[in-house]
Amino acid sequence: MPKMKTKSSCKKRFKVTAKGRVKAGQAGKRHGMIKRTNKFLRNARGTTTLSDPDAKIIKSMMPYS
């Protein structure tokens, strides 16, 4: 059997942690920061882990992660 291909978009945007959780950049911080609250900007720093239903979708696109 040939190797399965990983989705290029997932390869660029997501990483899988040692425990199998999917790590992603925080959404909603590309533009329009003036209308966002300071609390939102503080909480949206760094990366976040996806919820289990979302992680299941991403993992299906990354067969070797």
Protein backbone atom coordinates (compact mmCIF):
# COMPACT_ATOMS: atom_id res chain seq x y z
CA MET A 1 0.00 0.00 0.00
CA PRO A 2 1.22 3.53 -0.71
CA LYS A 3 1.68 5.99 2.11
CA MET A 4 -1.28 8.15 3.10
CA LYS A 5 -0.93 11.85 2.48
CA THR A 6 -1.18 14.49 5.20
CA LYS A 7 -3.33 17.54 4.43
CA SER A 8 -0.92 20.41 3.78
CA SER A 9 -3.20 22.93 5.45
CA CYS A 10 -3.25 20.91 8.69
CA LYS A 11 0.48 20.38 8.60
CA LYS A 12 0.99 24.15 8.59
CA ARG A 13 -1.61 25.05 11.23
CA PHE A 14 -1.68 22.32 13.85
CA LYS A 15 0.65 20.25 16.03
CA VAL A 16 -0.12 17.19 18.11
CA THR A 17 1.14 17.16 21.69
CA ALA A 18 2.71 14.18 23.43
CA LYS A 19 -0.65 13.32 25.03
CA GLY A 20 -2.40 13.43 21.66
CA ARG A 21 -4.16 16.78 22.04
CA VAL A 22 -4.18 19.10 19.01
CA LYS A 23 -2.49 22.47 19.52
CA ALA A 24 -3.50 25.46 17.38
CA GLY A 25 -3.02 29.20 17.22
CA GLN A 26 -5.65 31.34 18.86
CA ALA A 27 -8.40 32.50 16.49
CA GLY A 28 -9.64 36.06 16.11
CA LYS A 29 -6.38 38.00 16.31
CA ARG A 30 -5.52 38.85 12.71
CA HIS A 31 -7.15 42.27 12.47
CA GLY A 32 -9.75 44.50 14.13
CA MET A 33 -8.03 44.65 17.51
CA ILE A 34 -9.62 48.02 18.33
CA LYS A 35 -13.08 46.50 18.66
CA ARG A 36 -11.83 43.58 20.79
CA THR A 37 -11.82 43.91 24.57
CA ASN A 38 -8.56 43.92 26.49
CA LYS A 39 -9.73 40.81 28.32
CA PHE A 40 -10.16 38.95 25.03
CA LEU A 41 -6.71 39.99 23.82
CA ARG A 42 -5.09 38.86 27.08
CA ASN A 43 -6.83 35.50 27.04
CA ALA A 44 -6.08 34.94 23.35
CA ARG A 45 -2.28 35.06 23.67
CA GLY A 46 -0.20 32.12 22.57
CA THR A 47 -1.76 28.83 21.53
CA THR A 48 -4.74 26.77 22.61
CA THR A 49 -5.76 23.12 22.48
CA LEU A 50 -8.75 22.16 20.40
CA SER A 51 -11.85 20.51 21.80
CA ASP A 52 -12.19 16.77 21.32
CA PRO A 53 -14.70 16.89 18.41
CA ASP A 54 -12.53 19.41 16.54
CA ALA A 55 -9.36 17.44 17.28
CA LYS A 56 -10.96 14.29 15.88
CA ILE A 57 -11.52 16.02 12.53
CA ILE A 58 -7.96 17.35 12.39
CA LYS A 59 -6.40 14.01 13.34
CA SER A 60 -8.21 12.31 10.48
CA MET A 61 -6.38 14.65 8.11
CA MET A 62 -2.99 13.93 9.76
CA PRO A 63 -2.63 10.15 9.63
CA TYR A 64 0.93 9.95 10.99
CA SER A 65 0.63 12.35 13.92
